[in-house]
Protein backbone atom coordinates (compact mmCIF):
# COMPACT_ATOMS: atom_id res chain seq x y z
CA MET A 1 14.51 -18.88 3.93
CA THR A 2 16.58 -17.43 1.23
CA THR A 3 16.83 -13.67 0.40
CA THR A 4 14.84 -14.21 -2.83
CA GLU A 5 11.98 -15.77 -0.82
CA LYS A 6 12.08 -12.97 1.66
CA ILE A 7 11.87 -10.53 -1.05
CA ALA A 8 9.00 -12.35 -2.69
CA ASN A 9 7.02 -12.54 0.52
CA ALA A 10 7.62 -8.82 1.21
CA LYS A 11 6.33 -7.89 -2.34
CA LYS A 12 3.14 -9.90 -1.68
CA ARG A 13 2.57 -8.18 1.60
CA ILE A 14 3.08 -4.73 -0.04
CA ASP A 15 0.63 -5.71 -2.84
CA GLU A 16 -1.96 -6.84 -0.27
CA LEU A 17 -1.56 -3.52 1.75
CA GLU A 18 -1.89 -1.42 -1.38
CA ARG A 19 -5.09 -3.27 -2.27
CA LEU A 20 -6.49 -2.60 1.15
CA ILE A 21 -5.48 1.11 1.03
CA LYS A 22 -7.32 1.35 -2.36
CA TYR A 23 -10.41 -0.36 -0.91
CA TRP A 24 -10.58 1.73 2.19
CA ASN A 25 -10.13 4.99 0.20
CA ASN A 26 -12.98 4.15 -2.00
CA SER A 27 -15.94 6.27 -1.12
CA GLU A 28 -18.43 3.51 -2.18
CA TYR A 29 -17.51 1.56 0.86
CA ASP A 30 -18.02 4.17 3.60
CA GLU A 31 -20.61 2.02 5.34
CA ALA A 32 -18.26 -0.97 5.39
CA LYS A 33 -15.58 1.09 7.16
CA ILE A 34 -17.74 1.21 10.26
CA VAL A 35 -16.78 -1.60 12.64
CA ASP A 36 -18.46 -2.14 15.99
CA PHE A 37 -16.37 -3.92 18.49
CA THR A 38 -18.09 -4.88 21.70
CA MET A 39 -15.81 -4.88 24.71
CA LYS A 40 -16.40 -7.31 27.49
CA ASN A 41 -14.67 -6.20 30.61
CA LYS A 42 -14.61 -8.56 33.74
CA ASN A 43 -12.87 -7.71 36.94
CA LYS A 44 -10.73 -10.55 37.96
CA VAL A 45 -9.17 -10.82 41.38
CA ALA A 46 -5.86 -12.64 41.65
C-alpha cells in the first residue's frame, strides 16, 4: 500500500468518525444512544 493510499484511507476514517460524532451529539437521537447489552456469563471449569 502506497503512502497516498494510506492517507486516502485515513481521511475516509476521519470523515466517518466526524459523521458519527455529529450524529451522537445531535439531541434528536437521545433515545437511539441507549444500548442494552445483555451479558451471558457461564462458569467454565478447565
